[in-house]
Amino acid sequence: MPVRTSCHRLSRGGNTRRIVAIFMLKHCRHVCMQRGLARALSAAKPKYDFLPLRRELHLVLCNVDKRRMQGLPRTPVISIVDDDASVRAAANRLVRSLGYVAYPFASAREFLESSQVNDTSCLIADVQMPAMSGLELQSLLRAQGRALPIIFITAFPEESVRKRALDAGAICFLIKPFDGPTLIKYLDKALEQDGGS
C-alpha cells in the first residue's frame, strides 16, 4: 500500500503526526544504511520538523534571561508579612490577581531570613505582630540600608504609631478591614517609587 494512502487513512483518527514521525524514523534508518548517517541527518532535518512545542518551551525558559539582556523590568515581587493567616491569604490572592509575584510570611523574622528580602519590590506588613512588630521591621530594614516601600496594615490604629510609620517613609497606613481597590492604589504608588529609586 502506498505510504500516502496509509497516512491519509490514519489521519482520520487524529494520529497523522505520530504516524508521519514513525515513517520519518524508518525513512532515516533506510537512508542511513544507504548513504551514511551525516547525509541522512542533513536530508531529514529540514524536511521533517515536528518540534514547534519544544521551540516554544525553549523561548519561555529563556524569557527571563532575554528580559535581563534587553533591560526590561522584572515582575514586581510583593512580600506580605502578617501573623493572621486569613489576611495573608486574602492579600496574597489579590496581589497574584494583579500579575505580581507574592510571598506570604507569618512573621517579620521569617521574612528577614528568606531570600526574598533582597528581591522584594514592596512590603505589606502588619503593625502589631509577636516577637517583632511592623515598625521594628521597618527600622531594621532602614538600618540595613534597604529602602523598601512599605504598606502598613493594622486592626488597632493609633495616631502616634501612624505618624511614626509615615515619618519613617511608609507609603500608607491602612486600617483593617480595607478594600481591594484601596490596596491596589497604594501598591501602584509603592511600585512607582520602587521603580524610580
Foldseek 3Di string as FASTA:
>chain_A
DDPVVVLVVCVVVVCNLVVVVVVLVVVLVVCCVVPNNVVSCVVSVVPDDDCPVVVVVVCVVCVVVVCVVVVHDDAAEEEEEALDPVVQVVVCVLCVVVVHHYHYDNHLVVVVPDPCVVRHQAYEAEQDDPPAGPVNSLVVCVVVVNPHAYEYEYQDDDPVVQVSCVVSPHQHYHYPPDDSVVVVVSVVVSNVVSVVD
